[in-house]
Amino acid sequence: MNAKLPFIAAHATEHAVRLMCRILSVSPSWFHAWRAATPERAARQAARDEMVARIRAIFAESRARYGAPRIHAELVAQGERIARKTVAKLMKRNDIRPQRRGRRVPRTTDSRHKLGIAPNLLARNFQVGTPDTVWLADISYVPTDEGWLYLAAVKDMATMEIVGWSMSDRLKGSLAIDAMRMALRNRRPPPGLICHSDRGVQYASGDYRRLLKAHGAPASMSGKGNCLDNAPMESFFGSLKTELVHGHGSRPAAKPRPPSSNTSPFSTIANAGTRASATERRSRPGST
């Protein structure tokens, strides 16, 4: 029906409007009201075009990462009164959408093994005041153009600093061991240090457990399938990827280096850990 009105308007100089309305089953009064509202429709279309341009600008500034909810929030912050559904509709009509990740996300925790499981000595007590008394260990991954790069890190719960790390292009048992060796060598903790991790096979392996035993460090493991038991490490990896990976496009894989190297692309982990330390200390109850 909407196509009939522009057709009548386009041929109004060639044929009688009333005749065309009768042939096309259109009310003449409806046609004249539609034509009288042409300037208003043009103004609305201009406003939509301007809004689409603003949406494209915000989308470009986000490096093509923002979806409708975050673009809507940015527009509201700029003082724009617009419904989120309207933003979503305009983005869909103009094919503005963030890219979807097509690669399968690797599983860094494989607890399907028959190795020994350590008790949960930490029990989510993340309030630690003395350095080198509680360490958290975990493994995450970083996407590169050449595949996944795996990163193991060890975090001191008192200082919130990353005291050991290791990376590899393969998810292997030595990844966790190398990170822990680096931390033990650098910090030389006294006996009794609690080393908490998930139940992954890398942390349940005999070599890793013997390393802890040799330094008088009892192992502690999270409950089955409970990532909250190792929440500070999950938070750290999330902050690390947000600051150093996401939004910076694809990149070649960094060549894995020995954990003793101080020139690795991931040497910035220490700085990220220091920033997290300040943030987490401020968020603790009673902190100033």
Protein backbone atom coordinates (compact mmCIF):
# COMPACT_ATOMS: atom_id res chain seq x y z
CA MET A 1 0.00 0.00 0.00
CA ASN A 2 2.82 2.45 0.80
CA ALA A 3 4.15 2.14 -2.76
CA LYS A 4 0.85 3.37 -4.21
CA LEU A 5 1.07 6.83 -2.67
CA PRO A 6 4.51 7.72 -4.12
CA PHE A 7 3.35 6.32 -7.47
CA ILE A 8 0.33 8.63 -7.54
CA ALA A 9 2.48 11.60 -6.54
CA ALA A 10 5.04 10.82 -9.25
CA HIS A 11 2.34 10.70 -11.98
CA ALA A 12 0.08 13.48 -10.73
CA THR A 13 1.07 15.72 -13.67
CA GLU A 14 0.21 13.00 -16.21
CA HIS A 15 -3.09 11.65 -14.87
CA ALA A 16 -5.90 12.83 -12.67
CA VAL A 17 -5.23 12.12 -9.01
CA ARG A 18 -8.85 11.08 -8.34
CA LEU A 19 -8.73 8.62 -11.27
CA MET A 20 -5.53 7.01 -10.06
CA CYS A 21 -6.88 6.81 -6.52
CA ARG A 22 -9.99 5.00 -7.76
CA ILE A 23 -8.00 2.55 -9.88
CA LEU A 24 -5.52 1.84 -7.07
CA SER A 25 -8.21 1.71 -4.36
CA VAL A 26 -6.72 4.61 -2.45
CA SER A 27 -8.76 7.22 -0.62
CA PRO A 28 -8.11 10.68 -2.16
CA SER A 29 -8.19 12.28 1.30
CA TRP A 30 -5.56 9.80 2.49
CA PHE A 31 -3.33 10.66 -0.48
CA HIS A 32 -3.62 14.43 0.06
CA ALA A 33 -2.89 14.03 3.79
CA TRP A 34 0.15 11.90 2.95
CA ARG A 35 1.46 14.48 0.45
CA ALA A 36 0.92 17.34 2.92
CA ALA A 37 3.09 15.50 5.46
CA THR A 38 6.02 15.15 3.04
CA PRO A 39 8.17 17.84 4.76
CA GLU A 40 7.60 16.17 8.15
CA ARG A 41 8.65 12.78 6.75
CA ALA A 42 11.73 14.35 5.21
CA ALA A 43 12.65 15.89 8.56
CA ARG A 44 12.26 12.53 10.32
CA GLN A 45 14.42 10.83 7.69
CA ALA A 46 17.08 13.51 8.09
CA ALA A 47 17.03 12.96 11.86
CA ARG A 48 17.40 9.19 11.34
CA ASP A 49 20.30 9.73 8.95
CA GLU A 50 22.00 11.98 11.50
CA MET A 51 21.47 9.39 14.24
CA VAL A 52 22.90 6.63 12.05
CA ALA A 53 25.98 8.81 11.46
CA ARG A 54 26.43 9.24 15.23
CA ILE A 55 25.99 5.51 15.78
CA ARG A 56 28.62 4.80 13.12
CA ALA A 57 31.01 7.22 14.81
CA ILE A 58 30.59 5.58 18.23
CA PHE A 59 30.90 2.15 16.62
CA ALA A 60 34.14 3.19 14.92
CA GLU A 61 35.55 4.65 18.16
CA SER A 62 34.87 1.32 19.87
CA ARG A 63 36.93 -0.40 17.16
CA ALA A 64 33.80 -2.15 15.91
CA ARG A 65 33.20 -3.85 19.27
CA TYR A 66 30.06 -2.14 20.68
CA GLY A 67 26.61 -3.59 20.19
CA ALA A 68 23.28 -1.79 20.58
CA PRO A 69 23.22 -1.72 24.42
CA ARG A 70 26.62 -0.04 24.77
CA ILE A 71 26.04 2.37 21.87
CA HIS A 72 22.68 3.30 23.42
CA ALA A 73 24.40 3.92 26.76
CA GLU A 74 26.95 6.17 25.05
CA LEU A 75 24.21 8.16 23.29
CA VAL A 76 22.35 8.63 26.57
CA ALA A 77 25.59 9.79 28.20
CA GLN A 78 25.86 12.39 25.44
CA GLY A 79 22.40 13.69 26.34
CA GLU A 80 20.44 11.94 23.57
CA ARG A 81 16.93 10.71 24.35
CA ILE A 82 16.43 7.56 22.33
CA ALA A 83 15.11 4.06 23.02
CA ARG A 84 17.52 1.15 22.96
CA LYS A 85 15.18 -0.69 20.58
CA THR A 86 15.46 2.22 18.16
CA VAL A 87 19.25 2.03 18.26
CA ALA A 88 19.10 -1.72 17.65
CA LYS A 89 16.69 -1.23 14.74
CA LEU A 90 18.85 1.43 13.10
CA MET A 91 21.98 -0.71 13.50
CA LYS A 92 20.24 -3.72 11.98
CA ARG A 93 18.87 -1.76 9.02
CA ASN A 94 22.28 -0.26 8.29
CA ASP A 95 24.25 -3.49 8.89
CA ILE A 96 26.21 -2.09 11.84
CA ARG A 97 27.23 -5.05 13.98
CA PRO A 98 30.33 -6.21 15.85
CA GLN A 99 32.19 -9.16 14.42
CA ARG A 100 31.47 -12.52 15.93
CA ARG A 101 34.34 -14.67 17.10
CA GLY A 102 34.30 -17.81 15.00
CA ARG A 103 37.08 -19.72 16.68
CA ARG A 104 36.41 -22.31 19.32
CA VAL A 105 37.49 -21.09 22.74
CA PRO A 106 39.94 -23.54 24.29
CA ARG A 107 39.37 -25.18 27.67
CA THR A 108 42.26 -24.43 29.99
CA THR A 109 40.84 -26.45 32.90
CA ASP A 110 40.54 -30.19 32.37
CA SER A 111 39.51 -31.82 35.64
CA ARG A 112 38.65 -35.14 33.99
CA HIS A 113 41.58 -37.03 35.44
CA LYS A 114 42.30 -39.52 38.21
CA LEU A 115 45.10 -37.52 39.81
CA GLY A 116 44.96 -36.48 43.44
CA ILE A 117 42.88 -33.42 44.37
CA ALA A 118 44.08 -31.11 47.15
CA PRO A 119 41.59 -29.75 49.71
CA ASN A 120 40.34 -26.19 49.45
CA LEU A 121 42.48 -24.53 52.13
CA LEU A 122 41.58 -21.03 51.01
CA ALA A 123 37.75 -21.30 51.13
CA ARG A 124 37.46 -17.94 49.30
CA ASN A 125 39.30 -16.08 52.04
CA PHE A 126 41.01 -13.58 49.77
CA GLN A 127 41.78 -11.06 52.52
CA VAL A 128 45.51 -11.66 53.05
CA GLY A 129 47.78 -9.15 54.78
CA THR A 130 51.21 -10.79 54.61
CA PRO A 131 53.06 -11.27 51.30
CA ASP A 132 54.12 -14.76 50.25
CA THR A 133 51.53 -16.53 52.39
CA VAL A 134 48.83 -17.15 49.74
CA TRP A 135 49.39 -17.39 45.99
CA LEU A 136 46.79 -18.02 43.31
CA ALA A 137 47.69 -19.79 40.06
CA ASP A 138 45.72 -20.10 36.84
CA ILE A 139 46.03 -20.46 33.05
CA SER A 140 44.30 -18.43 30.35
CA TYR A 141 44.62 -17.91 26.60
CA VAL A 142 45.21 -15.03 24.17
CA PRO A 143 43.99 -15.08 20.53
CA THR A 144 46.57 -14.38 17.81
CA ASP A 145 46.63 -14.69 14.02
CA GLU A 146 48.69 -17.85 14.37
CA GLY A 147 46.48 -19.56 16.95
CA TRP A 148 46.04 -19.49 20.71
CA LEU A 149 48.80 -18.35 23.05
CA TYR A 150 48.51 -19.84 26.54
CA LEU A 151 49.53 -17.86 29.60
CA ALA A 152 50.05 -19.17 33.14
CA ALA A 153 50.37 -16.70 36.01
CA VAL A 154 50.89 -16.73 39.77
CA LYS A 155 49.43 -13.92 41.90
CA ASP A 156 50.32 -12.90 45.47
CA MET A 157 47.05 -12.25 47.31
CA ALA A 158 48.61 -9.75 49.73
CA THR A 159 50.27 -7.46 47.18
CA MET A 160 47.99 -8.39 44.23
CA GLU A 161 51.14 -8.60 42.09
CA ILE A 162 51.96 -11.22 39.48
CA VAL A 163 55.06 -12.92 40.90
CA GLY A 164 55.49 -15.60 38.23
CA TRP A 165 54.34 -16.31 34.69
CA SER A 166 54.98 -18.50 31.66
CA MET A 167 53.55 -18.75 28.15
CA SER A 168 53.48 -21.27 25.33
CA ASP A 169 51.72 -22.00 22.07
CA ARG A 170 50.66 -25.35 23.54
CA LEU A 171 48.63 -26.12 26.66
CA LYS A 172 51.07 -28.41 28.42
CA GLY A 173 51.88 -29.37 31.98
CA SER A 174 55.20 -27.52 32.06
CA LEU A 175 53.32 -24.21 31.61
CA ALA A 176 52.08 -24.20 35.22
CA ILE A 177 55.39 -25.56 36.52
CA ASP A 178 57.48 -22.88 34.79
CA ALA A 179 55.27 -20.08 36.14
CA MET A 180 55.52 -21.47 39.69
CA ARG A 181 59.27 -21.97 39.42
CA MET A 182 59.68 -18.37 38.37
CA ALA A 183 57.62 -17.20 41.38
CA LEU A 184 59.53 -19.40 43.83
CA ARG A 185 62.87 -18.30 42.45
CA ASN A 186 62.01 -14.61 42.53
CA ARG A 187 60.23 -14.48 45.90
CA ARG A 188 61.86 -17.31 47.93
CA PRO A 189 58.82 -17.67 50.23
CA PRO A 190 59.06 -19.29 53.67
CA PRO A 191 57.53 -22.74 54.24
CA GLY A 192 53.77 -22.80 54.72
CA LEU A 193 52.89 -20.77 51.62
CA ILE A 194 49.45 -21.85 50.31
CA CYS A 195 49.36 -22.27 46.52
CA HIS A 196 45.75 -22.26 45.33
CA SER A 197 44.60 -23.27 41.84
CA ASP A 198 41.77 -24.99 40.02
CA ARG A 199 41.56 -28.77 39.59
CA GLY A 200 43.12 -28.77 36.13
CA VAL A 201 45.45 -31.59 35.20
CA GLN A 202 48.39 -29.15 35.02
CA TYR A 203 48.04 -28.38 38.74
CA ALA A 204 47.20 -31.94 39.78
CA SER A 205 50.22 -33.44 37.99
CA GLY A 206 52.90 -35.17 40.01
CA ASP A 207 55.67 -32.84 38.84
CA TYR A 208 53.75 -29.73 39.95
CA ARG A 209 52.80 -31.21 43.32
CA ARG A 210 56.40 -32.36 43.94
CA LEU A 211 57.63 -28.84 43.18
CA LEU A 212 55.32 -27.40 45.85
CA LYS A 213 56.25 -30.10 48.35
CA ALA A 214 59.96 -29.43 47.85
CA HIS A 215 59.39 -25.82 48.93
CA GLY A 216 57.08 -26.64 51.83
CA ALA A 217 54.07 -25.11 50.08
CA PRO A 218 50.79 -26.99 50.60
CA ALA A 219 48.52 -27.17 47.56
CA SER A 220 44.93 -25.93 47.65
CA MET A 221 42.33 -26.46 44.92
CA SER A 222 38.95 -24.96 44.06
CA GLY A 223 35.72 -26.88 44.29
CA LYS A 224 34.68 -28.80 41.19
CA GLY A 225 33.40 -26.45 38.49
CA ASN A 226 33.45 -23.43 40.83
CA CYS A 227 35.39 -20.55 39.27
CA LEU A 228 34.49 -18.25 42.18
CA ASP A 229 37.00 -20.12 44.33
CA ASN A 230 39.71 -18.55 42.14
CA ALA A 231 37.88 -15.29 41.38
CA PRO A 232 40.86 -12.87 41.75
CA MET A 233 42.76 -14.70 39.00
CA GLU A 234 39.71 -14.69 36.73
CA SER A 235 39.43 -10.94 37.35
CA PHE A 236 43.11 -10.41 36.60
CA PHE A 237 42.99 -12.22 33.26
CA GLY A 238 39.85 -10.30 32.34
CA SER A 239 41.55 -6.96 33.04
CA LEU A 240 44.70 -8.05 31.21
CA LYS A 241 42.81 -8.95 28.05
CA THR A 242 40.70 -5.80 28.18
CA GLU A 243 43.76 -3.54 28.47
CA LEU A 244 46.22 -5.33 26.22
CA VAL A 245 44.33 -7.58 23.79
CA HIS A 246 40.66 -6.82 23.06
CA GLY A 247 40.04 -3.99 20.63
CA HIS A 248 43.57 -3.95 19.22
CA GLY A 249 42.79 -6.14 16.22
CA SER A 250 44.61 -9.31 15.24
CA ARG A 251 48.27 -9.76 15.95
CA PRO A 252 51.00 -12.30 15.19
CA ALA A 253 51.70 -14.78 17.93
CA ALA A 254 54.52 -13.79 20.25
CA LYS A 255 57.33 -16.33 20.26
CA PRO A 256 57.23 -18.11 23.63
CA ARG A 257 60.32 -17.40 25.73
CA PRO A 258 61.78 -18.97 28.83
CA PRO A 259 60.13 -17.74 32.06
CA SER A 260 63.39 -16.11 33.10
CA SER A 261 63.20 -13.65 30.22
CA ASN A 262 62.37 -10.04 31.12
CA THR A 263 61.90 -8.94 27.50
CA SER A 264 58.72 -10.87 26.75
CA PRO A 265 55.70 -9.04 25.31
CA PHE A 266 53.94 -10.12 28.50
CA SER A 267 56.41 -8.35 30.78
CA THR A 268 53.61 -5.78 31.15
CA ILE A 269 51.79 -8.33 33.29
CA ALA A 270 53.65 -7.02 36.32
CA ASN A 271 52.40 -3.50 35.61
CA ALA A 272 48.85 -4.75 35.11
CA GLY A 273 49.11 -6.63 38.39
CA THR A 274 50.28 -3.48 40.15
CA ARG A 275 47.30 -1.53 38.81
CA ALA A 276 44.96 -4.31 39.92
CA SER A 277 46.65 -4.21 43.33
CA ALA A 278 45.77 -0.57 43.86
CA THR A 279 42.20 -1.08 42.65
CA GLU A 280 41.53 -4.17 44.72
CA ARG A 281 43.07 -2.68 47.87
CA ARG A 282 40.82 0.37 47.55
CA SER A 283 37.78 -1.90 47.21
CA ARG A 284 38.54 -3.84 50.41
CA PRO A 285 36.48 -3.04 53.50
CA GLY A 286 38.22 -0.62 55.82
CA SER A 287 40.74 0.54 53.22
CA THR A 288 41.52 4.21 52.81
